[in-house]
Amino acid sequence: MSINKLPHKNLYAWTVVLTAVTMIGGILSIITGIGIKTAIPATPDIPGGIILFLLGLLLATGLYEGRHDHARWVQFGYTGIILILIFGVCTVIISGANLLSLILEGEKTDPVSILYSGYIWAAILALPIYPGLKKLLFGCSQGGAF
C-alpha cells in the first residue's frame, strides 16, 4: 500500500463533513450567543459553541495529520467522535429534561428547538463513522494494517 494513498476514503470524506458541520455549529452558537441574529437557528451558547468549535479543530487536526500518517487520523478521529457522542447524548438528556419541565409547568414548549443545537447534528453525523473508526483503531492496536 502506498503511503500517500488513504484507505477508507468514505470514512475520511465523512470525517471532513463532520468536521465542517461541527465547526460551523460552534461558530453559529457563538454568534447567536453574542446576540447576532442568523438565518440558521442555533442555540445561543458561547461556552458550548467554543467547545464544539474545539472538537471540530480536533477532527481537523486528525484530517491534517492523517494525510501523512493514517494512524494519526484514526486516533484523532476516534477521540473526537467519542467526545462528540458524549456531548450529544448529554445535550439530548438536558434538552429533554428542560422540555419535560416546561410541559409539567404548563408552559409553551417548542420540541423542535432541540434540533437547534450543533451537538445534536454533530452526534447524528458521528454515528455512521463510529463503527468504522472503532474497527480501524482495533486493527491498528493489534498491529494489523488498516
N, C-alpha and C. Protein backbone atom coordinates (compact mmCIF):
# COMPACT_ATOMS: atom_id res chain seq x y z
N MET A 1 0.84 -1.17 0.00
CA MET A 1 0.00 0.00 0.00
C MET A 1 0.89 1.23 0.00
N SER A 2 0.55 2.16 -0.85
CA SER A 2 1.30 3.40 -0.95
C SER A 2 1.03 4.27 0.28
N ILE A 3 2.06 4.95 0.74
CA ILE A 3 1.92 5.78 1.93
C ILE A 3 1.04 7.01 1.64
N ASN A 4 0.99 7.47 0.39
CA ASN A 4 0.21 8.65 0.05
C ASN A 4 -1.25 8.33 -0.24
N LYS A 5 -1.56 7.06 -0.36
CA LYS A 5 -2.92 6.65 -0.68
C LYS A 5 -3.67 6.35 0.61
N LEU A 6 -4.77 7.05 0.82
CA LEU A 6 -5.52 6.89 2.06
C LEU A 6 -6.55 5.78 1.92
N PRO A 7 -6.48 4.75 2.77
CA PRO A 7 -7.52 3.73 2.74
C PRO A 7 -8.79 4.27 3.37
N HIS A 8 -9.89 3.65 3.08
CA HIS A 8 -11.18 4.00 3.67
C HIS A 8 -11.54 5.45 3.35
N LYS A 9 -11.58 5.75 2.05
CA LYS A 9 -11.85 7.12 1.61
C LYS A 9 -13.22 7.61 2.05
N ASN A 10 -14.19 6.71 2.13
CA ASN A 10 -15.53 7.13 2.55
C ASN A 10 -15.54 7.60 4.00
N LEU A 11 -14.83 6.90 4.88
CA LEU A 11 -14.75 7.32 6.28
C LEU A 11 -14.02 8.66 6.39
N TYR A 12 -12.98 8.81 5.61
CA TYR A 12 -12.21 10.05 5.63
C TYR A 12 -13.07 11.21 5.13
N ALA A 13 -13.80 10.99 4.05
CA ALA A 13 -14.66 12.04 3.49
C ALA A 13 -15.79 12.39 4.47
N TRP A 14 -16.36 11.39 5.13
CA TRP A 14 -17.41 11.66 6.09
C TRP A 14 -16.86 12.41 7.30
N THR A 15 -15.61 12.16 7.65
CA THR A 15 -14.96 12.90 8.73
C THR A 15 -14.80 14.36 8.34
N VAL A 16 -14.53 14.62 7.06
CA VAL A 16 -14.43 16.01 6.58
C VAL A 16 -15.79 16.70 6.75
N VAL A 17 -16.87 16.01 6.38
CA VAL A 17 -18.22 16.59 6.53
C VAL A 17 -18.51 16.84 8.01
N LEU A 18 -18.21 15.88 8.86
CA LEU A 18 -18.44 16.02 10.29
C LEU A 18 -17.65 17.20 10.85
N THR A 19 -16.41 17.34 10.42
CA THR A 19 -15.57 18.45 10.87
C THR A 19 -16.18 19.79 10.50
N ALA A 20 -16.62 19.91 9.26
CA ALA A 20 -17.22 21.16 8.80
C ALA A 20 -18.49 21.49 9.57
N VAL A 21 -19.36 20.52 9.75
CA VAL A 21 -20.62 20.75 10.46
C VAL A 21 -20.35 21.11 11.92
N THR A 22 -19.39 20.45 12.54
CA THR A 22 -19.06 20.72 13.93
C THR A 22 -18.52 22.14 14.10
N MET A 23 -17.63 22.54 13.23
CA MET A 23 -17.06 23.88 13.34
C MET A 23 -18.10 24.96 13.03
N ILE A 24 -18.92 24.73 12.02
CA ILE A 24 -19.97 25.71 11.69
C ILE A 24 -20.99 25.80 12.82
N GLY A 25 -21.36 24.66 13.40
CA GLY A 25 -22.29 24.67 14.54
C GLY A 25 -21.71 25.43 15.72
N GLY A 26 -20.42 25.27 15.97
CA GLY A 26 -19.78 26.01 17.05
C GLY A 26 -19.76 27.50 16.79
N ILE A 27 -19.44 27.88 15.57
CA ILE A 27 -19.41 29.31 15.21
C ILE A 27 -20.81 29.91 15.32
N LEU A 28 -21.84 29.19 14.84
CA LEU A 28 -23.22 29.69 14.93
C LEU A 28 -23.66 29.85 16.39
N SER A 29 -23.28 28.92 17.25
CA SER A 29 -23.64 29.03 18.66
C SER A 29 -22.97 30.24 19.31
N ILE A 30 -21.73 30.48 18.95
CA ILE A 30 -21.02 31.65 19.49
C ILE A 30 -21.66 32.94 18.99
N ILE A 31 -21.94 32.99 17.69
CA ILE A 31 -22.52 34.20 17.10
C ILE A 31 -23.89 34.51 17.70
N THR A 32 -24.75 33.49 17.82
CA THR A 32 -26.07 33.73 18.40
C THR A 32 -25.98 34.01 19.90
N GLY A 33 -24.97 33.47 20.55
CA GLY A 33 -24.76 33.77 21.97
C GLY A 33 -24.36 35.20 22.20
N ILE A 34 -23.63 35.78 21.25
CA ILE A 34 -23.24 37.18 21.34
C ILE A 34 -24.46 38.08 21.13
N GLY A 35 -25.42 37.61 20.37
CA GLY A 35 -26.64 38.38 20.15
C GLY A 35 -26.87 38.73 18.69
N ILE A 36 -26.06 38.20 17.81
CA ILE A 36 -26.22 38.46 16.38
C ILE A 36 -27.24 37.48 15.82
N LYS A 37 -28.23 38.00 15.12
CA LYS A 37 -29.26 37.14 14.51
C LYS A 37 -28.70 36.48 13.26
N THR A 38 -29.02 35.19 13.09
CA THR A 38 -28.61 34.44 11.91
C THR A 38 -29.83 33.84 11.23
N ALA A 39 -29.67 33.52 9.95
CA ALA A 39 -30.76 32.89 9.21
C ALA A 39 -30.96 31.44 9.65
N ILE A 40 -29.90 30.82 10.12
CA ILE A 40 -29.95 29.43 10.59
C ILE A 40 -30.17 29.45 12.10
N PRO A 41 -31.22 28.80 12.59
CA PRO A 41 -31.45 28.80 14.04
C PRO A 41 -30.37 27.99 14.74
N ALA A 42 -29.86 28.55 15.82
CA ALA A 42 -28.83 27.87 16.60
C ALA A 42 -29.04 28.18 18.07
N THR A 43 -28.55 27.30 18.93
CA THR A 43 -28.64 27.50 20.36
C THR A 43 -27.67 28.61 20.77
N PRO A 44 -28.13 29.66 21.43
CA PRO A 44 -27.22 30.73 21.85
C PRO A 44 -26.41 30.30 23.07
N ASP A 45 -25.22 29.79 22.84
CA ASP A 45 -24.41 29.22 23.91
C ASP A 45 -22.94 29.47 23.58
N ILE A 46 -22.34 30.47 24.19
CA ILE A 46 -20.96 30.82 23.89
C ILE A 46 -19.99 29.73 24.36
N PRO A 47 -20.04 29.29 25.64
CA PRO A 47 -19.10 28.23 26.04
C PRO A 47 -19.30 26.92 25.27
N GLY A 48 -20.56 26.56 25.04
CA GLY A 48 -20.84 25.34 24.27
C GLY A 48 -20.36 25.46 22.84
N GLY A 49 -20.50 26.65 22.26
CA GLY A 49 -20.02 26.88 20.90
C GLY A 49 -18.51 26.79 20.81
N ILE A 50 -17.83 27.29 21.84
CA ILE A 50 -16.36 27.21 21.86
C ILE A 50 -15.93 25.75 21.95
N ILE A 51 -16.60 24.98 22.80
CA ILE A 51 -16.25 23.56 22.93
C ILE A 51 -16.52 22.83 21.62
N LEU A 52 -17.64 23.12 20.99
CA LEU A 52 -17.98 22.49 19.71
C LEU A 52 -16.95 22.85 18.65
N PHE A 53 -16.55 24.10 18.62
CA PHE A 53 -15.51 24.54 17.66
C PHE A 53 -14.19 23.83 17.95
N LEU A 54 -13.83 23.68 19.22
CA LEU A 54 -12.59 22.98 19.56
C LEU A 54 -12.65 21.50 19.17
N LEU A 55 -13.82 20.88 19.30
CA LEU A 55 -13.96 19.49 18.84
C LEU A 55 -13.78 19.42 17.33
N GLY A 56 -14.29 20.42 16.61
CA GLY A 56 -14.06 20.49 15.17
C GLY A 56 -12.59 20.65 14.84
N LEU A 57 -11.88 21.46 15.64
CA LEU A 57 -10.44 21.61 15.43
C LEU A 57 -9.69 20.31 15.71
N LEU A 58 -10.15 19.55 16.69
CA LEU A 58 -9.54 18.25 16.98
C LEU A 58 -9.68 17.33 15.77
N LEU A 59 -10.88 17.31 15.19
CA LEU A 59 -11.09 16.49 13.99
C LEU A 59 -10.27 17.02 12.81
N ALA A 60 -10.17 18.34 12.69
CA ALA A 60 -9.39 18.93 11.60
C ALA A 60 -7.91 18.59 11.75
N THR A 61 -7.43 18.56 12.98
CA THR A 61 -6.04 18.16 13.22
C THR A 61 -5.83 16.72 12.78
N GLY A 62 -6.79 15.86 13.08
CA GLY A 62 -6.70 14.46 12.64
C GLY A 62 -6.70 14.35 11.13
N LEU A 63 -7.50 15.16 10.47
CA LEU A 63 -7.51 15.13 9.00
C LEU A 63 -6.18 15.61 8.43
N TYR A 64 -5.62 16.65 9.03
CA TYR A 64 -4.34 17.17 8.57
C TYR A 64 -3.21 16.17 8.80
N GLU A 65 -3.17 15.62 10.02
CA GLU A 65 -2.13 14.63 10.34
C GLU A 65 -2.32 13.34 9.55
N GLY A 66 -3.57 13.03 9.22
CA GLY A 66 -3.88 11.78 8.52
C GLY A 66 -3.42 11.75 7.08
N ARG A 67 -3.08 12.91 6.53
CA ARG A 67 -2.58 12.91 5.15
C ARG A 67 -1.24 12.20 5.05
N HIS A 68 -0.46 12.22 6.11
CA HIS A 68 0.87 11.62 6.08
C HIS A 68 0.97 10.38 6.97
N ASP A 69 0.20 10.35 8.02
CA ASP A 69 0.23 9.22 8.95
C ASP A 69 -1.22 8.81 9.23
N HIS A 70 -1.66 7.75 8.57
CA HIS A 70 -3.07 7.35 8.64
C HIS A 70 -3.50 6.96 10.06
N ALA A 71 -2.58 6.44 10.84
CA ALA A 71 -2.93 6.07 12.21
C ALA A 71 -3.29 7.29 13.04
N ARG A 72 -2.67 8.42 12.76
CA ARG A 72 -2.98 9.66 13.49
C ARG A 72 -4.43 10.10 13.21
N TRP A 73 -4.87 9.94 11.95
CA TRP A 73 -6.25 10.29 11.61
C TRP A 73 -7.20 9.42 12.41
N VAL A 74 -6.90 8.13 12.52
CA VAL A 74 -7.77 7.22 13.27
C VAL A 74 -7.79 7.62 14.75
N GLN A 75 -6.64 7.94 15.31
CA GLN A 75 -6.57 8.30 16.73
C GLN A 75 -7.32 9.60 17.02
N PHE A 76 -7.04 10.64 16.26
CA PHE A 76 -7.71 11.92 16.48
C PHE A 76 -9.21 11.81 16.17
N GLY A 77 -9.54 11.13 15.09
CA GLY A 77 -10.94 10.98 14.70
C GLY A 77 -11.74 10.22 15.74
N TYR A 78 -11.19 9.13 16.23
CA TYR A 78 -11.90 8.32 17.22
C TYR A 78 -12.12 9.12 18.51
N THR A 79 -11.09 9.83 18.95
CA THR A 79 -11.21 10.64 20.16
C THR A 79 -12.26 11.73 19.98
N GLY A 80 -12.20 12.43 18.86
CA GLY A 80 -13.17 13.48 18.60
C GLY A 80 -14.59 12.96 18.51
N ILE A 81 -14.77 11.83 17.87
CA ILE A 81 -16.11 11.26 17.73
C ILE A 81 -16.67 10.80 19.07
N ILE A 82 -15.84 10.20 19.89
CA ILE A 82 -16.29 9.78 21.23
C ILE A 82 -16.74 11.01 22.03
N LEU A 83 -15.95 12.09 21.99
CA LEU A 83 -16.33 13.30 22.72
C LEU A 83 -17.61 13.91 22.16
N ILE A 84 -17.75 13.93 20.84
CA ILE A 84 -18.97 14.47 20.23
C ILE A 84 -20.18 13.65 20.64
N LEU A 85 -20.05 12.33 20.64
CA LEU A 85 -21.18 11.48 21.04
C LEU A 85 -21.54 11.68 22.52
N ILE A 86 -20.54 11.84 23.37
CA ILE A 86 -20.81 12.08 24.79
C ILE A 86 -21.56 13.40 24.97
N PHE A 87 -21.06 14.47 24.35
CA PHE A 87 -21.72 15.76 24.46
C PHE A 87 -23.10 15.74 23.81
N GLY A 88 -23.26 15.01 22.72
CA GLY A 88 -24.55 14.90 22.06
C GLY A 88 -25.59 14.22 22.93
N VAL A 89 -25.20 13.13 23.57
CA VAL A 89 -26.12 12.42 24.47
C VAL A 89 -26.48 13.31 25.66
N CYS A 90 -25.50 14.00 26.22
CA CYS A 90 -25.77 14.91 27.34
C CYS A 90 -26.73 16.03 26.91
N THR A 91 -26.55 16.55 25.70
CA THR A 91 -27.43 17.60 25.20
C THR A 91 -28.86 17.09 25.04
N VAL A 92 -29.01 15.89 24.53
CA VAL A 92 -30.36 15.31 24.39
C VAL A 92 -31.01 15.14 25.76
N ILE A 93 -30.27 14.65 26.73
CA ILE A 93 -30.82 14.43 28.06
C ILE A 93 -31.21 15.75 28.71
N ILE A 94 -30.33 16.74 28.64
CA ILE A 94 -30.61 18.04 29.27
C ILE A 94 -31.76 18.75 28.57
N SER A 95 -31.75 18.76 27.24
CA SER A 95 -32.84 19.41 26.49
C SER A 95 -34.17 18.71 26.72
N GLY A 96 -34.13 17.39 26.76
CA GLY A 96 -35.36 16.63 27.04
C GLY A 96 -35.89 16.92 28.44
N ALA A 97 -35.00 17.04 29.41
CA ALA A 97 -35.43 17.36 30.77
C ALA A 97 -36.02 18.76 30.84
N ASN A 98 -35.41 19.70 30.11
CA ASN A 98 -35.96 21.07 30.08
C ASN A 98 -37.35 21.09 29.46
N LEU A 99 -37.52 20.38 28.36
CA LEU A 99 -38.84 20.32 27.72
C LEU A 99 -39.87 19.66 28.62
N LEU A 100 -39.48 18.59 29.27
CA LEU A 100 -40.40 17.91 30.19
C LEU A 100 -40.79 18.83 31.34
N SER A 101 -39.83 19.58 31.85
CA SER A 101 -40.11 20.53 32.92
C SER A 101 -41.10 21.60 32.47
N LEU A 102 -40.91 22.11 31.26
CA LEU A 102 -41.83 23.12 30.74
C LEU A 102 -43.23 22.55 30.54
N ILE A 103 -43.30 21.31 30.07
CA ILE A 103 -44.60 20.67 29.87
C ILE A 103 -45.31 20.49 31.21
N LEU A 104 -44.58 20.04 32.23
CA LEU A 104 -45.17 19.82 33.55
C LEU A 104 -45.63 21.12 34.19
N GLU A 105 -44.94 22.22 33.88
CA GLU A 105 -45.33 23.52 34.42
C GLU A 105 -46.45 24.16 33.62
N GLY A 106 -46.81 23.55 32.51
CA GLY A 106 -47.90 24.06 31.70
C GLY A 106 -47.52 25.22 30.80
N GLU A 107 -46.24 25.40 30.58
CA GLU A 107 -45.79 26.50 29.73
C GLU A 107 -45.69 26.04 28.27
N LYS A 108 -45.60 27.01 27.40
CA LYS A 108 -45.50 26.72 25.97
C LYS A 108 -44.11 26.13 25.67
N THR A 109 -44.11 25.06 24.87
CA THR A 109 -42.85 24.40 24.53
C THR A 109 -42.66 24.35 23.03
N ASP A 110 -41.42 24.18 22.64
CA ASP A 110 -41.07 24.02 21.23
C ASP A 110 -40.11 22.82 21.12
N PRO A 111 -40.66 21.60 20.92
CA PRO A 111 -39.80 20.41 20.87
C PRO A 111 -38.76 20.46 19.75
N VAL A 112 -39.03 21.21 18.69
CA VAL A 112 -38.09 21.29 17.58
C VAL A 112 -36.83 22.05 17.97
N SER A 113 -36.91 22.84 19.04
CA SER A 113 -35.74 23.63 19.46
C SER A 113 -34.56 22.75 19.88
N ILE A 114 -34.81 21.49 20.18
CA ILE A 114 -33.70 20.57 20.49
C ILE A 114 -32.78 20.46 19.28
N LEU A 115 -33.35 20.53 18.10
CA LEU A 115 -32.55 20.36 16.88
C LEU A 115 -31.71 21.59 16.54
N TYR A 116 -31.83 22.67 17.31
CA TYR A 116 -31.03 23.87 17.06
C TYR A 116 -29.59 23.70 17.53
N SER A 117 -29.34 22.73 18.36
CA SER A 117 -28.01 22.53 18.92
C SER A 117 -27.07 21.87 17.92
N GLY A 118 -25.87 22.41 17.80
CA GLY A 118 -24.86 21.82 16.94
C GLY A 118 -24.39 20.46 17.44
N TYR A 119 -24.49 20.24 18.75
CA TYR A 119 -24.10 18.95 19.31
C TYR A 119 -24.97 17.82 18.78
N ILE A 120 -26.25 18.11 18.61
CA ILE A 120 -27.18 17.09 18.11
C ILE A 120 -26.80 16.70 16.69
N TRP A 121 -26.58 17.70 15.84
CA TRP A 121 -26.24 17.42 14.44
C TRP A 121 -24.88 16.73 14.34
N ALA A 122 -23.92 17.16 15.14
CA ALA A 122 -22.61 16.51 15.10
C ALA A 122 -22.71 15.05 15.56
N ALA A 123 -23.50 14.80 16.60
CA ALA A 123 -23.67 13.42 17.08
C ALA A 123 -24.37 12.55 16.05
N ILE A 124 -25.37 13.11 15.37
CA ILE A 124 -26.08 12.35 14.33
C ILE A 124 -25.12 11.99 13.21
N LEU A 125 -24.27 12.94 12.82
CA LEU A 125 -23.31 12.67 11.74
C LEU A 125 -22.16 11.77 12.20
N ALA A 126 -21.88 11.74 13.49
CA ALA A 126 -20.78 10.91 14.01
C ALA A 126 -21.18 9.44 14.12
N LEU A 127 -22.46 9.18 14.25
CA LEU A 127 -22.90 7.78 14.44
C LEU A 127 -22.47 6.84 13.31
N PRO A 128 -22.57 7.22 12.03
CA PRO A 128 -22.14 6.28 10.99
C PRO A 128 -20.63 6.05 10.95
N ILE A 129 -19.85 7.01 11.41
CA ILE A 129 -18.39 6.87 11.36
C ILE A 129 -17.87 6.00 12.50
N TYR A 130 -18.54 6.05 13.63
CA TYR A 130 -18.03 5.39 14.84
C TYR A 130 -17.67 3.92 14.65
N PRO A 131 -18.54 3.07 14.10
CA PRO A 131 -18.16 1.65 13.98
C PRO A 131 -16.93 1.43 13.09
N GLY A 132 -16.83 2.18 12.00
CA GLY A 132 -15.69 2.01 11.11
C GLY A 132 -14.38 2.43 11.76
N LEU A 133 -14.39 3.57 12.44
CA LEU A 133 -13.16 4.01 13.11
C LEU A 133 -12.81 3.12 14.28
N LYS A 134 -13.83 2.59 14.96
CA LYS A 134 -13.56 1.67 16.07
C LYS A 134 -12.86 0.42 15.55
N LYS A 135 -13.32 -0.08 14.41
CA LYS A 135 -12.71 -1.26 13.81
C LYS A 135 -11.27 -0.96 13.36
N LEU A 136 -11.08 0.21 12.77
CA LEU A 136 -9.73 0.60 12.35
C LEU A 136 -8.80 0.75 13.54
N LEU A 137 -9.28 1.36 14.62
CA LEU A 137 -8.46 1.55 15.80
C LEU A 137 -8.09 0.20 16.41
N PHE A 138 -9.04 -0.72 16.44
CA PHE A 138 -8.76 -2.06 16.97
C PHE A 138 -7.73 -2.76 16.09
N GLY A 139 -7.85 -2.61 14.76
CA GLY A 139 -6.88 -3.21 13.85
C GLY A 139 -5.50 -2.63 14.04
N CYS A 140 -5.42 -1.33 14.26
CA CYS A 140 -4.12 -0.68 14.50
C CYS A 140 -3.51 -1.17 15.81
N SER A 141 -4.35 -1.33 16.83
CA SER A 141 -3.82 -1.75 18.12
C SER A 141 -3.33 -3.19 18.10
N GLN A 142 -3.84 -3.99 17.17
CA GLN A 142 -3.41 -5.38 17.05
C GLN A 142 -2.20 -5.53 16.13
N GLY A 143 -1.72 -4.40 15.63
CA GLY A 143 -0.54 -4.43 14.77
C GLY A 143 -0.85 -4.74 13.32
N GLY A 144 -2.11 -4.76 12.96
CA GLY A 144 -2.51 -5.05 11.59
C GLY A 144 -2.53 -3.81 10.74
N ALA A 145 -2.61 -4.04 9.46
CA ALA A 145 -2.73 -2.91 8.53
C ALA A 145 -4.16 -2.43 8.52
N PHE A 146 -4.31 -1.17 8.28
CA PHE A 146 -5.67 -0.64 8.21
C PHE A 146 -5.91 -0.14 6.83
